[in-house]
Protein backbone atom coordinates (compact mmCIF):
# COMPACT_ATOMS: atom_id res chain seq x y z
CA MET A 1 -22.05 -48.23 -82.61
CA LEU A 2 -23.53 -48.30 -86.09
CA PRO A 3 -21.10 -48.66 -89.00
CA ILE A 4 -23.41 -46.19 -90.73
CA SER A 5 -24.30 -43.14 -88.64
CA GLU A 6 -27.84 -42.10 -87.81
CA THR A 7 -27.26 -38.86 -89.73
CA GLU A 8 -26.15 -40.77 -92.78
CA LEU A 9 -29.18 -43.08 -92.59
CA ASN A 10 -31.45 -40.03 -92.49
CA ALA A 11 -29.65 -38.56 -95.50
CA TYR A 12 -30.10 -41.89 -97.28
CA VAL A 13 -33.84 -41.90 -96.56
CA ASP A 14 -34.06 -38.33 -97.88
CA GLY A 15 -32.11 -39.25 -101.04
CA GLU A 16 -29.22 -36.95 -100.12
CA THR A 17 -26.24 -39.33 -100.17
CA PHE A 18 -23.54 -39.71 -102.79
CA PRO A 19 -24.13 -42.66 -105.16
CA GLU A 20 -21.04 -44.59 -103.99
CA ARG A 21 -22.06 -44.14 -100.36
CA GLN A 22 -25.65 -45.08 -101.19
CA ALA A 23 -24.48 -48.43 -102.56
CA LEU A 24 -22.51 -49.09 -99.37
CA ILE A 25 -25.53 -48.21 -97.20
CA GLU A 26 -27.80 -50.49 -99.24
CA THR A 27 -25.31 -53.37 -98.85
CA TRP A 28 -25.13 -52.73 -95.11
CA LEU A 29 -28.93 -52.60 -94.82
CA ALA A 30 -29.24 -55.88 -96.71
CA GLY A 31 -27.19 -57.53 -93.96
CA ASP A 32 -29.05 -55.88 -91.05
CA PRO A 33 -32.81 -56.53 -91.16
CA ALA A 34 -33.50 -54.47 -88.02
CA GLN A 35 -31.87 -51.36 -89.50
CA ALA A 36 -33.57 -51.99 -92.85
CA ALA A 37 -36.93 -52.07 -91.03
CA ARG A 38 -36.11 -48.73 -89.36
CA VAL A 39 -35.30 -47.21 -92.74
CA ARG A 40 -38.57 -48.52 -94.22
CA THR A 41 -40.46 -46.98 -91.28
CA TRP A 42 -38.75 -43.63 -91.82
CA ARG A 43 -39.60 -43.74 -95.54
CA ARG A 44 -43.27 -44.44 -94.73
CA GLN A 45 -43.21 -41.50 -92.30
CA ASN A 46 -41.73 -39.25 -94.99
CA GLN A 47 -44.42 -40.34 -97.46
CA ALA A 48 -47.17 -39.71 -94.89
CA LEU A 49 -45.80 -36.25 -94.09
CA ARG A 50 -45.52 -35.32 -97.75
CA ALA A 51 -49.07 -36.54 -98.37
CA ALA A 52 -50.37 -34.54 -95.40
CA PHE A 53 -48.68 -31.33 -96.56
CA VAL A 54 -48.81 -31.73 -100.35
CA ARG A 55 -50.97 -28.61 -100.73
CA ILE A 56 -48.58 -26.48 -98.67
CA LEU A 57 -45.51 -27.91 -100.39
CA SER A 58 -46.93 -26.97 -103.79
CA GLU A 59 -47.58 -23.32 -102.80
CA PRO A 60 -45.05 -20.74 -103.94
CA LEU A 61 -42.73 -19.28 -101.33
CA PRO A 62 -43.80 -15.94 -99.87
CA ALA A 63 -41.86 -13.05 -101.43
CA GLY A 64 -39.69 -12.43 -98.35
CA LEU A 65 -38.64 -16.06 -98.14
CA ALA A 66 -38.07 -16.30 -101.88
CA ASP A 67 -35.73 -13.30 -101.65
CA LEU A 68 -33.81 -14.94 -98.81
CA ALA A 69 -33.60 -18.24 -100.67
CA SER A 70 -32.24 -16.58 -103.81
CA ALA A 71 -29.71 -14.51 -101.80
CA ARG A 72 -27.91 -17.62 -100.52
CA PRO A 73 -24.87 -18.80 -102.46
CA ALA A 74 -25.62 -21.79 -104.65
CA THR A 75 -24.54 -25.06 -103.08
CA SER A 76 -24.83 -28.63 -104.13
CA ALA A 77 -27.90 -30.47 -102.90
CA ARG A 78 -25.64 -33.32 -101.92
CA VAL A 79 -23.34 -32.71 -99.01
CA ALA A 80 -20.71 -34.85 -97.41
CA ILE A 81 -21.85 -36.35 -94.14
CA LEU A 82 -19.25 -35.75 -91.46
CA PRO A 83 -19.31 -37.63 -88.18
CA THR A 84 -20.62 -35.54 -85.34
CA VAL A 85 -20.10 -35.90 -81.65
CA VAL A 86 -23.34 -35.71 -79.75
CA GLY A 87 -23.31 -35.58 -76.00
CA PRO A 88 -25.32 -34.24 -73.15
CA PRO A 89 -25.83 -30.49 -73.03
CA PRO A 90 -23.41 -28.61 -70.82
CA ALA A 91 -24.45 -28.19 -67.20
CA PRO A 92 -25.71 -24.72 -66.34
CA ARG A 93 -23.14 -22.52 -64.64
CA PRO A 94 -23.92 -21.80 -60.99
CA GLN A 95 -24.91 -18.26 -60.15
CA PRO A 96 -23.77 -16.48 -56.97
CA TRP A 97 -27.29 -16.53 -55.52
CA ASP A 98 -27.77 -20.25 -56.19
CA HIS A 99 -26.12 -21.08 -52.85
CA ALA A 100 -27.59 -18.26 -50.75
CA ASP A 101 -29.84 -20.72 -48.91
CA ARG A 102 -26.85 -22.85 -47.94
CA LEU A 103 -24.93 -19.80 -46.80
CA ALA A 104 -27.88 -18.68 -44.65
CA LEU A 105 -28.05 -22.15 -43.05
CA ILE A 106 -24.32 -22.12 -42.32
CA ILE A 107 -24.52 -18.66 -40.73
CA ALA A 108 -27.60 -19.58 -38.69
CA GLY A 109 -26.02 -22.87 -37.64
CA SER A 110 -22.83 -21.10 -36.59
CA PHE A 111 -24.83 -18.57 -34.61
CA LEU A 112 -26.84 -21.28 -32.86
CA ALA A 113 -23.72 -23.33 -32.17
CA GLY A 114 -22.01 -20.28 -30.73
CA ALA A 115 -25.03 -19.49 -28.59
CA GLY A 116 -25.14 -23.09 -27.44
CA VAL A 117 -21.50 -23.02 -26.44
CA ALA A 118 -22.04 -19.76 -24.58
CA CYS A 119 -25.04 -21.23 -22.73
CA LEU A 120 -23.12 -24.38 -21.92
CA GLY A 121 -20.23 -22.28 -20.69
CA GLY A 122 -22.59 -20.36 -18.41
CA VAL A 123 -24.11 -23.56 -17.07
CA LEU A 124 -20.71 -25.05 -16.41
CA ALA A 125 -19.55 -21.83 -14.76
CA GLY A 126 -22.65 -21.93 -12.56
CA LEU A 127 -21.95 -25.50 -11.62
CA GLN A 128 -18.39 -24.71 -10.71
CA ILE A 129 -19.57 -21.84 -8.49
CA GLY A 130 -22.02 -24.20 -6.84
CA TRP A 131 -19.31 -26.76 -6.17
CA ARG A 132 -17.14 -24.35 -4.21
C-alpha cells in the first residue's frame, strides 16, 4: 500500500493539498522515482487537457450554472484528504424470477423421475405376474 494515497497524489497534482502535507509528499516522491514519474505523467496530462479546452475554460458560466455556483455555501478550496475504503461494488440482489428456470427444471425432473418410477413399477409388476 502507498504511504501516500492515490487520492492525495491526485490532490497534489491539482495543487489542492495543504502546504505541510505537500512538503511530505514531495519528500516521499523524491525517494520513489516510479511514483514521481507517475505524478509527472499526470501533470503532463493535466497540461494537455487544459491546453485542449482553454477556450471553453475561459468562457463565462451559463446563467443557470452561475446561479447554482453562487448559491453554494463558501468553502475553502483546500480540503482535508480523508482515507477512503474502495472495494468492489455490492453484488446485485437476486430477484424471485432469477431462479424460475431452475425451479422449472426441478419440477420437470421430479415429474420425469416419478413417471420413470411408475413405469419401472409397472414393468416389475408385469414381470412378477409372468413369473407366477
